[in-house]
Amino acid sequence: MTTVDAGRAAPPRPLTARRSPAGPVLAVLWAGAAAVVALWWADTGAVVGAAGWLTGAGRIAGLLCGYACAVLVGLMARVPLLEVRIGSDRVARWHAMAGRYTVCLLVAHIALILAGYAAQDRASLWHEAVTVVLDYPEMLKATAGTVILFAVGVTSVRAARRRTSYEFWYYVHLLTYAAVFLAFGHQLALGEEFNGKPVATAVWYALYLGVAALVLWFRVLAPVRLNRRHRLRVESVQKEAPGVYSVVVRGRHLDELGARPGQFFRWRFLGEGMGWTSTPYSLSAPPRPDLLRITVKALGDHSAAVALLRPGTRVWAEGPYGSLTAERATGQRSLLIAAGVGITPLRALFETLPGEVTLLYRARGAEDLALGGELEAIARWRGAQVLYALNGPRGERPSITAESLRATFPGLADHDVYICGPHGFAQDVYGALRAAGVPDRRIHHESFEL
């Protein structure tokens, strides 16, 4: 059985923190929305009467919805600038917000346009809706795309998401591409801002074709190239704790991937019925030129099946993604706080972060301390410290509060703090850290919650 040894990496090197491009990217996105409104303004003369106001508002909502669809797909493209420099979890939150904006704008566009047309024609809303769908060009396809977008929106609501499998949600979510494609034609066929206006039409085509190119390159061609080049296969599977398994993956020229401790890949194991699902798992050891390692806890069907993987199973990976890396550090003192399987990216960082590093590991009991032997070996090797927060003999949970953190870690406000664990745990620790005086810019967290 092959394992990835602890304490064998080169000594940690000081790294220069890089500023996140989140601000400039958001500024560009909002500038695009402002340009869309300016397009409507430049094409609109006097607005007269209720029908004119309703139709004009519907046109604005439709244009912004069309722009939001392009942004929505662009945020799904897994562009490294976004996924690595900004962070996959933050981009996922942007995507979720863009999805809510898109659905709201879509509802407003439909309601306002139909109301405006009905007022203009002195007809009922139902009659106007039937006429628009059946008689207007490109509207049957646009209607199909609208139904798909609503389905994606419904399955993305938190209450519905909790009741569906990840696989179902994932494949319904992919239908967003079909919805946007079906709705595109009616924007140009019926949009007054584009009729007879070649410059505006060319810009709209460039927006959508540019986003399509990003998706094609980063979600299709780049993964194909990665997997043809590196030929990943399962090397071994090792039990680390109850329900927790490490998978060592062997490949060629893995140093070319540029993966860093703290990052993750999206994995498909082409065997045991696991090839249909792409699931994010963090590297639990610094990457080597021929080996990568992940450590997985059985929390669902896919993660539970990891224990059944056989050596030689082909692996399809996409990445690396994520920004929970040493480049976030702003000083030479770091505190890592992990809970459960959240130890996986922090174990890799514990070995490689420069400067003074302390690890606080929260678990139910000693038997649940995955990778504990490696953590102790790393601590001895680099002169670092590992602390454990375990349940008491009657199951009582240790409290991690602002007071306990300040008492345990002198000079806490000067530390960079990396958090990884369940969503509720991370939120509680974040609140405690802020109450303890740690600046927000020094608290680093990346969530896999979808």
Protein backbone atom coordinates (compact mmCIF):
# COMPACT_ATOMS: atom_id res chain seq x y z
CA MET A 1 0.00 0.00 0.00
CA THR A 2 1.32 3.42 -0.97
CA THR A 3 1.00 6.36 1.39
CA VAL A 4 2.10 9.97 1.26
CA ASP A 5 4.67 10.48 3.97
CA ALA A 6 4.41 13.34 6.44
CA GLY A 7 7.32 15.58 7.15
CA ARG A 8 9.09 15.01 3.82
CA ALA A 9 8.32 18.27 2.04
CA ALA A 10 10.89 20.99 1.56
CA PRO A 11 10.99 23.61 4.34
CA PRO A 12 8.13 26.12 3.98
CA ARG A 13 9.08 29.17 1.96
CA PRO A 14 7.85 32.69 2.67
CA LEU A 15 5.14 33.65 0.19
CA THR A 16 3.86 37.05 -0.80
CA ALA A 17 0.11 37.48 -0.34
CA ARG A 18 -1.75 38.44 -3.51
CA ARG A 19 -4.68 40.83 -3.55
CA SER A 20 -7.96 39.25 -4.58
CA PRO A 21 -9.37 40.55 -7.89
CA ALA A 22 -12.93 40.25 -6.50
CA GLY A 23 -13.46 44.02 -6.38
CA PRO A 24 -12.44 44.73 -9.99
CA VAL A 25 -14.42 41.72 -11.26
CA LEU A 26 -17.58 42.88 -9.47
CA ALA A 27 -17.03 46.40 -10.79
CA VAL A 28 -16.87 45.06 -14.36
CA LEU A 29 -20.06 43.02 -13.87
CA TRP A 30 -22.00 45.99 -12.49
CA ALA A 31 -20.60 48.22 -15.25
CA GLY A 32 -22.00 45.75 -17.76
CA ALA A 33 -25.44 46.02 -16.13
CA ALA A 34 -25.22 49.80 -16.31
CA ALA A 35 -24.30 49.56 -20.02
CA VAL A 36 -27.40 47.41 -20.61
CA VAL A 37 -29.63 50.05 -19.00
CA ALA A 38 -27.86 52.73 -21.09
CA LEU A 39 -28.66 50.68 -24.22
CA TRP A 40 -32.36 50.81 -23.36
CA TRP A 41 -32.17 54.52 -22.52
CA ALA A 42 -30.51 55.40 -25.83
CA ASP A 43 -33.15 53.50 -27.80
CA THR A 44 -36.20 54.78 -25.92
CA GLY A 45 -38.02 57.99 -26.71
CA ALA A 46 -40.93 59.43 -24.75
CA VAL A 47 -42.85 56.93 -22.67
CA VAL A 48 -46.59 57.63 -22.77
CA GLY A 49 -49.44 55.99 -20.92
CA ALA A 50 -49.69 52.93 -18.70
CA ALA A 51 -49.05 50.55 -21.60
CA GLY A 52 -45.86 52.42 -22.48
CA TRP A 53 -44.58 52.41 -18.91
CA LEU A 54 -45.33 48.72 -18.45
CA THR A 55 -43.74 47.75 -21.75
CA GLY A 56 -40.68 49.92 -21.10
CA ALA A 57 -40.16 48.38 -17.66
CA GLY A 58 -40.57 44.93 -19.20
CA ARG A 59 -37.93 45.72 -21.81
CA ILE A 60 -35.46 46.85 -19.12
CA ALA A 61 -36.12 43.69 -17.11
CA GLY A 62 -35.71 41.55 -20.23
CA LEU A 63 -32.41 43.14 -21.20
CA LEU A 64 -31.04 42.80 -17.68
CA CYS A 65 -32.28 39.20 -17.54
CA GLY A 66 -30.46 38.44 -20.80
CA TYR A 67 -27.28 39.99 -19.40
CA ALA A 68 -27.72 38.11 -16.10
CA CYS A 69 -28.03 34.83 -18.03
CA ALA A 70 -24.63 35.45 -19.62
CA VAL A 71 -23.12 36.31 -16.21
CA LEU A 72 -24.74 33.22 -14.69
CA VAL A 73 -23.16 30.93 -17.28
CA GLY A 74 -19.82 32.73 -17.07
CA LEU A 75 -19.69 32.09 -13.33
CA MET A 76 -20.28 28.38 -14.06
CA ALA A 77 -17.31 28.22 -16.45
CA ARG A 78 -14.70 27.50 -13.73
CA VAL A 79 -12.34 30.19 -14.95
CA PRO A 80 -9.07 29.94 -12.94
CA LEU A 81 -9.00 33.71 -12.28
CA LEU A 82 -12.26 33.30 -10.40
CA GLU A 83 -11.89 29.80 -8.95
CA VAL A 84 -8.33 30.24 -7.65
CA ARG A 85 -7.74 33.95 -7.12
CA ILE A 86 -11.18 34.76 -5.71
CA GLY A 87 -12.20 31.35 -4.38
CA SER A 88 -14.66 28.72 -5.51
CA ASP A 89 -16.99 29.22 -2.56
CA ARG A 90 -17.22 32.97 -3.13
CA VAL A 91 -17.84 32.46 -6.85
CA ALA A 92 -20.53 29.92 -5.96
CA ARG A 93 -22.24 32.55 -3.79
CA TRP A 94 -22.05 35.02 -6.67
CA HIS A 95 -23.55 32.39 -8.95
CA ALA A 96 -26.40 31.73 -6.52
CA MET A 97 -27.09 35.45 -6.24
CA ALA A 98 -26.98 35.87 -10.02
CA GLY A 99 -29.44 32.98 -10.29
CA ARG A 100 -31.89 34.72 -7.94
CA TYR A 101 -31.54 37.98 -9.88
CA THR A 102 -32.08 36.12 -13.15
CA VAL A 103 -35.29 34.42 -12.02
CA CYS A 104 -36.68 37.62 -10.50
CA LEU A 105 -35.90 39.62 -13.64
CA LEU A 106 -37.42 36.87 -15.77
CA VAL A 107 -40.68 36.97 -13.77
CA ALA A 108 -40.73 40.78 -13.98
CA HIS A 109 -40.04 40.71 -17.73
CA ILE A 110 -42.88 38.26 -18.44
CA ALA A 111 -45.41 39.98 -16.18
CA LEU A 112 -44.64 43.53 -17.30
CA ILE A 113 -44.43 42.81 -21.03
CA LEU A 114 -47.68 40.85 -21.06
CA ALA A 115 -49.41 43.53 -18.97
CA GLY A 116 -48.14 46.25 -21.29
CA TYR A 117 -49.17 44.38 -24.45
CA ALA A 118 -52.60 43.55 -22.94
CA ALA A 119 -53.20 47.21 -22.04
CA GLN A 120 -52.13 48.28 -25.52
CA ASP A 121 -54.38 45.72 -27.29
CA ARG A 122 -57.21 45.97 -24.73
CA ALA A 123 -57.07 42.19 -24.33
CA SER A 124 -56.88 39.80 -21.37
CA LEU A 125 -53.55 38.65 -20.01
CA TRP A 126 -54.33 35.05 -20.96
CA HIS A 127 -55.19 36.00 -24.57
CA GLU A 128 -52.02 38.07 -24.82
CA ALA A 129 -49.87 35.27 -23.37
CA VAL A 130 -51.22 32.72 -25.87
CA THR A 131 -50.72 35.15 -28.75
CA VAL A 132 -47.13 35.97 -27.76
CA VAL A 133 -46.12 32.34 -27.27
CA LEU A 134 -47.75 30.97 -30.45
CA ASP A 135 -47.42 33.85 -32.92
CA TYR A 136 -44.24 35.76 -32.07
CA PRO A 137 -40.94 34.56 -33.60
CA GLU A 138 -38.62 32.44 -31.43
CA MET A 139 -41.14 32.44 -28.58
CA LEU A 140 -41.81 28.71 -28.44
CA LYS A 141 -38.11 28.09 -27.83
CA ALA A 142 -37.95 30.96 -25.36
CA THR A 143 -40.91 29.50 -23.47
CA ALA A 144 -39.16 26.14 -23.22
CA GLY A 145 -36.05 27.89 -21.94
CA THR A 146 -38.13 29.78 -19.37
CA VAL A 147 -39.65 26.55 -18.04
CA ILE A 148 -36.16 25.06 -17.69
CA LEU A 149 -34.85 28.13 -15.84
CA PHE A 150 -37.76 27.99 -13.43
CA ALA A 151 -37.06 24.28 -12.82
CA VAL A 152 -33.40 25.06 -12.10
CA GLY A 153 -34.46 27.85 -9.75
CA VAL A 154 -36.91 25.66 -7.85
CA THR A 155 -34.40 22.84 -7.34
CA SER A 156 -31.83 25.38 -6.12
CA VAL A 157 -34.03 26.67 -3.30
CA ARG A 158 -32.46 25.55 -0.04
CA ALA A 159 -35.54 23.64 1.15
CA ALA A 160 -35.78 21.71 -2.13
CA ARG A 161 -32.03 21.22 -2.33
CA ARG A 162 -32.02 19.42 1.02
CA ARG A 163 -34.58 16.93 -0.26
CA THR A 164 -32.84 16.00 -3.50
CA SER A 165 -29.65 14.12 -4.20
CA TYR A 166 -26.55 15.94 -5.31
CA GLU A 167 -26.61 14.02 -8.60
CA PHE A 168 -30.18 15.11 -9.41
CA TRP A 169 -29.44 18.74 -8.51
CA TYR A 170 -26.22 18.70 -10.54
CA TYR A 171 -27.75 17.42 -13.75
CA VAL A 172 -30.81 19.68 -13.51
CA HIS A 173 -28.41 22.58 -12.98
CA LEU A 174 -26.58 21.71 -16.19
CA LEU A 175 -29.82 22.37 -18.08
CA THR A 176 -29.10 26.08 -17.55
CA TYR A 177 -26.98 25.91 -20.70
CA ALA A 178 -29.94 24.62 -22.72
CA ALA A 179 -32.26 27.25 -21.24
CA VAL A 180 -29.95 30.12 -22.17
CA PHE A 181 -29.46 28.73 -25.69
CA LEU A 182 -33.21 28.39 -26.25
CA ALA A 183 -33.95 31.90 -24.99
CA PHE A 184 -31.19 33.68 -26.93
CA GLY A 185 -32.96 33.89 -30.30
CA HIS A 186 -36.00 35.81 -29.11
CA GLN A 187 -33.81 38.50 -27.58
CA LEU A 188 -32.52 39.51 -30.99
CA ALA A 189 -35.74 38.78 -32.90
CA LEU A 190 -38.01 40.83 -30.62
CA GLY A 191 -35.65 43.22 -28.82
CA GLU A 192 -36.17 46.74 -30.14
CA GLU A 193 -32.67 47.60 -28.93
CA PHE A 194 -31.22 45.22 -31.56
CA ASN A 195 -33.52 45.59 -34.57
CA GLY A 196 -31.59 47.45 -37.25
CA LYS A 197 -28.72 48.18 -34.86
CA PRO A 198 -25.69 46.14 -35.98
CA VAL A 199 -23.33 47.46 -33.28
CA ALA A 200 -25.62 46.51 -30.38
CA THR A 201 -26.33 43.15 -32.03
CA ALA A 202 -22.61 42.47 -32.50
CA VAL A 203 -21.87 43.33 -28.85
CA TRP A 204 -24.64 40.98 -27.67
CA TYR A 205 -23.31 38.17 -29.85
CA ALA A 206 -19.78 38.85 -28.55
CA LEU A 207 -21.03 38.64 -24.95
CA TYR A 208 -22.73 35.28 -25.44
CA LEU A 209 -20.07 33.77 -27.70
CA GLY A 210 -17.36 34.88 -25.27
CA VAL A 211 -19.12 33.17 -22.38
CA ALA A 212 -19.67 30.05 -24.53
CA ALA A 213 -15.95 30.01 -25.35
CA LEU A 214 -15.08 30.14 -21.63
CA VAL A 215 -17.37 27.19 -20.93
CA LEU A 216 -16.02 25.19 -23.87
CA TRP A 217 -12.40 25.79 -22.90
CA PHE A 218 -12.45 25.51 -19.12
CA ARG A 219 -15.22 22.91 -18.65
CA VAL A 220 -14.55 20.70 -21.66
CA LEU A 221 -11.21 21.12 -23.43
CA ALA A 222 -9.00 21.90 -20.42
CA PRO A 223 -10.21 18.85 -18.42
CA VAL A 224 -9.79 16.60 -21.47
CA ARG A 225 -6.24 17.86 -21.92
CA LEU A 226 -5.47 17.44 -18.20
CA ASN A 227 -6.65 13.85 -18.05
CA ARG A 228 -5.04 12.79 -21.33
CA ARG A 229 -1.77 14.30 -20.19
CA HIS A 230 -1.65 13.02 -16.60
CA ARG A 231 -3.36 9.60 -16.81
CA LEU A 232 -4.65 9.45 -13.24
CA ARG A 233 -5.39 6.13 -11.54
CA VAL A 234 -6.13 5.03 -7.99
CA GLU A 235 -2.95 3.80 -6.35
CA SER A 236 -4.33 2.78 -2.95
CA VAL A 237 -7.13 3.32 -0.42
CA GLN A 238 -6.40 3.50 3.30
CA LYS A 239 -8.74 3.79 6.29
CA GLU A 240 -7.86 6.76 8.51
CA ALA A 241 -10.76 6.80 11.02
CA PRO A 242 -14.29 5.40 11.23
CA GLY A 243 -15.90 6.24 7.88
CA VAL A 244 -12.84 8.21 6.71
CA TYR A 245 -10.60 6.97 3.90
CA SER A 246 -7.57 8.36 2.08
CA VAL A 247 -7.22 7.76 -1.64
CA VAL A 248 -3.78 8.04 -3.22
CA VAL A 249 -3.90 8.83 -6.93
CA ARG A 250 -0.91 8.25 -9.18
CA GLY A 251 -0.28 10.15 -12.41
CA ARG A 252 2.34 11.56 -14.72
CA HIS A 253 3.92 15.02 -14.57
CA LEU A 254 1.61 16.12 -11.75
CA ASP A 255 3.91 18.99 -10.88
CA GLU A 256 2.69 20.65 -14.09
CA LEU A 257 -0.77 21.02 -12.56
CA GLY A 258 0.44 23.82 -10.30
CA ALA A 259 -1.64 22.48 -7.41
CA ARG A 260 -0.96 24.01 -4.00
CA PRO A 261 -1.69 22.79 -0.48
CA GLY A 262 -5.20 23.82 0.53
CA GLN A 263 -6.68 23.45 -2.96
CA PHE A 264 -9.12 20.85 -4.23
CA PHE A 265 -10.04 19.04 -7.43
CA ARG A 266 -13.39 17.81 -8.70
CA TRP A 267 -13.13 14.04 -8.94
CA ARG A 268 -14.85 11.33 -10.93
CA PHE A 269 -13.85 7.74 -10.27
CA LEU A 270 -14.59 5.77 -13.43
CA GLY A 271 -15.68 2.62 -11.69
CA GLU A 272 -18.04 1.34 -9.02
CA GLY A 273 -20.85 3.46 -10.54
CA MET A 274 -19.12 6.71 -9.50
CA GLY A 275 -18.29 8.12 -12.92
CA TRP A 276 -21.50 10.12 -13.26
CA THR A 277 -20.80 12.46 -10.37
CA SER A 278 -18.13 15.15 -10.06
CA THR A 279 -17.42 15.83 -6.38
CA PRO A 280 -14.96 18.29 -4.80
CA TYR A 281 -12.37 16.80 -2.44
CA SER A 282 -9.37 18.67 -1.04
CA LEU A 283 -5.80 17.49 -1.23
CA SER A 284 -4.90 16.13 2.20
CA ALA A 285 -1.15 16.18 1.59
CA PRO A 286 1.15 18.43 -0.43
CA PRO A 287 1.10 17.29 -4.07
CA ARG A 288 4.06 15.29 -5.38
CA PRO A 289 5.26 14.95 -8.99
CA ASP A 290 3.67 11.49 -9.20
CA LEU A 291 1.06 11.36 -6.39
CA LEU A 292 -1.96 13.24 -5.13
CA ARG A 293 -3.93 12.33 -2.02
CA ILE A 294 -7.45 13.11 -0.87
CA THR A 295 -9.16 12.11 2.36
CA VAL A 296 -12.91 11.55 2.26
CA LYS A 297 -15.57 11.02 4.92
CA ALA A 298 -18.61 8.90 4.06
CA LEU A 299 -21.41 11.50 4.13
CA GLY A 300 -23.36 10.41 1.04
CA ASP A 301 -23.59 7.75 -1.64
CA HIS A 302 -20.55 9.00 -3.58
CA SER A 303 -18.26 9.56 -0.61
CA ALA A 304 -19.29 6.24 0.97
CA ALA A 305 -18.35 4.41 -2.24
CA VAL A 306 -14.80 5.76 -2.05
CA ALA A 307 -13.93 2.99 0.42
CA LEU A 308 -14.73 0.44 -2.31
CA LEU A 309 -12.35 1.84 -4.91
CA ARG A 310 -9.83 -0.61 -6.29
CA PRO A 311 -6.23 0.11 -7.25
CA GLY A 312 -6.00 0.81 -10.96
CA THR A 313 -9.40 2.52 -11.19
CA ARG A 314 -9.21 5.35 -13.69
CA VAL A 315 -9.74 8.83 -12.32
CA TRP A 316 -11.08 11.93 -14.07
CA ALA A 317 -10.09 15.16 -12.29
CA GLU A 318 -10.69 18.86 -12.87
CA GLY A 319 -8.70 21.58 -11.17
CA PRO A 320 -6.93 22.67 -9.15
CA TYR A 321 -9.47 25.06 -7.63
CA GLY A 322 -9.76 27.04 -4.44
CA SER A 323 -7.95 29.90 -2.74
CA LEU A 324 -7.44 28.50 0.77
CA THR A 325 -3.69 28.62 0.27
CA ALA A 326 -0.59 30.17 1.78
CA GLU A 327 -1.00 33.11 -0.57
CA ARG A 328 -3.81 34.39 1.64
CA ALA A 329 -1.43 34.81 4.57
CA THR A 330 -0.61 38.37 5.58
CA GLY A 331 1.97 37.61 8.30
CA GLN A 332 4.23 34.96 9.78
CA ARG A 333 1.88 33.56 12.46
CA SER A 334 -0.99 31.25 11.53
CA LEU A 335 -3.70 29.39 13.41
CA LEU A 336 -5.50 26.53 11.66
CA ILE A 337 -8.91 25.51 13.05
CA ALA A 338 -10.42 22.29 11.67
CA ALA A 339 -13.46 20.20 12.49
CA GLY A 340 -14.12 16.67 11.26
CA VAL A 341 -13.01 15.99 7.72
CA GLY A 342 -12.26 19.71 7.38
CA ILE A 343 -8.80 18.67 8.53
CA THR A 344 -7.93 17.59 4.98
CA PRO A 345 -6.84 20.91 3.40
CA LEU A 346 -5.48 22.17 6.72
CA ARG A 347 -3.29 19.09 7.12
CA ALA A 348 -1.56 20.02 3.84
CA LEU A 349 -1.26 23.64 4.96
CA PHE A 350 0.04 22.59 8.38
CA GLU A 351 3.01 20.99 6.66
CA THR A 352 3.75 23.82 4.25
CA LEU A 353 2.68 27.19 5.68
CA PRO A 354 5.70 29.38 6.43
CA GLY A 355 6.30 30.91 9.83
CA GLU A 356 4.84 29.94 13.21
CA VAL A 357 1.86 27.59 12.83
CA THR A 358 -0.58 26.14 15.38
CA LEU A 359 -3.40 23.68 14.63
CA LEU A 360 -6.63 23.31 16.64
CA TYR A 361 -8.51 20.13 15.69
CA ARG A 362 -12.14 19.66 16.80
CA ALA A 363 -13.56 16.10 16.82
CA ARG A 364 -16.03 14.00 18.78
CA GLY A 365 -13.40 11.66 20.18
CA ALA A 366 -9.84 10.45 19.79
CA GLU A 367 -10.95 7.69 17.41
CA ASP A 368 -12.30 10.35 15.02
CA LEU A 369 -8.98 12.20 14.65
CA ALA A 370 -8.24 11.39 11.03
CA LEU A 371 -4.57 11.82 10.06
CA GLY A 372 -3.68 12.36 13.71
CA GLY A 373 -0.39 10.47 13.48
CA GLU A 374 0.72 12.57 10.53
CA LEU A 375 -0.19 15.79 12.32
CA GLU A 376 1.92 14.82 15.32
CA ALA A 377 4.85 13.90 13.06
CA ILE A 378 4.60 17.23 11.22
CA ALA A 379 4.43 19.10 14.53
CA ARG A 380 7.63 17.44 15.74
CA TRP A 381 9.38 18.00 12.42
CA ARG A 382 8.70 21.71 12.19
CA GLY A 383 8.40 22.56 15.89
CA ALA A 384 4.71 23.39 15.62
CA GLN A 385 1.84 22.68 18.00
CA VAL A 386 -1.32 20.57 17.66
CA LEU A 387 -4.21 21.07 20.09
CA TYR A 388 -7.38 18.98 20.24
CA ALA A 389 -10.92 19.95 21.22
CA LEU A 390 -12.70 16.66 21.98
CA ASN A 391 -16.06 15.87 23.54
CA GLY A 392 -16.10 15.11 27.23
CA PRO A 393 -16.84 11.65 28.68
CA ARG A 394 -20.59 12.40 28.65
CA GLY A 395 -20.57 13.85 25.15
CA GLU A 396 -20.36 17.49 26.22
CA ARG A 397 -18.91 19.68 23.48
CA PRO A 398 -16.00 22.01 24.25
CA SER A 399 -16.90 25.62 23.56
CA ILE A 400 -14.74 27.66 21.22
CA THR A 401 -15.40 31.23 22.30
CA ALA A 402 -13.67 34.57 21.94
CA GLU A 403 -12.46 34.28 25.54
CA SER A 404 -11.09 30.75 25.18
CA LEU A 405 -9.37 31.61 21.91
CA ARG A 406 -7.69 34.71 23.37
CA ALA A 407 -6.56 32.76 26.43
CA THR A 408 -5.17 29.84 24.41
CA PHE A 409 -3.50 31.83 21.63
CA PRO A 410 -1.69 34.96 22.85
CA GLY A 411 -1.54 37.68 20.21
CA LEU A 412 -4.46 36.10 18.35
CA ALA A 413 -5.32 39.30 16.49
CA ASP A 414 -1.95 39.13 14.72
CA HIS A 415 -2.55 35.61 13.39
CA ASP A 416 -3.85 34.54 10.02
CA VAL A 417 -6.64 32.08 10.84
CA TYR A 418 -7.66 29.32 8.43
CA ILE A 419 -11.00 27.60 9.13
CA CYS A 420 -12.35 24.43 7.56
CA GLY A 421 -15.27 22.35 8.80
CA PRO A 422 -19.06 22.08 8.67
CA HIS A 423 -20.88 25.28 7.75
CA GLY A 424 -22.35 25.88 11.21
CA PHE A 425 -19.03 25.25 12.92
CA ALA A 426 -17.23 27.66 10.57
CA GLN A 427 -19.83 30.37 11.19
CA ASP A 428 -19.55 29.99 14.96
CA VAL A 429 -15.74 30.09 14.88
CA TYR A 430 -15.78 33.10 12.57
CA GLY A 431 -18.03 34.98 15.01
CA ALA A 432 -15.78 34.05 17.92
CA LEU A 433 -12.69 35.21 16.05
CA ARG A 434 -14.24 38.54 15.15
CA ALA A 435 -15.32 39.02 18.77
CA ALA A 436 -11.74 38.21 19.81
CA GLY A 437 -10.46 41.05 17.66
CA VAL A 438 -9.16 39.18 14.61
CA PRO A 439 -9.58 41.39 11.52
CA ASP A 440 -11.80 40.00 8.79
CA ARG A 441 -8.94 40.17 6.28
CA ARG A 442 -6.98 37.68 8.43
CA ILE A 443 -9.77 35.06 8.59
CA HIS A 444 -9.65 32.64 5.68
CA HIS A 445 -12.40 30.12 4.98
CA GLU A 446 -13.65 28.15 2.03
CA SER A 447 -16.91 26.23 2.10
CA PHE A 448 -18.04 23.33 -0.11
CA GLU A 449 -21.68 23.82 0.83
CA LEU A 450 -23.73 24.18 -2.37
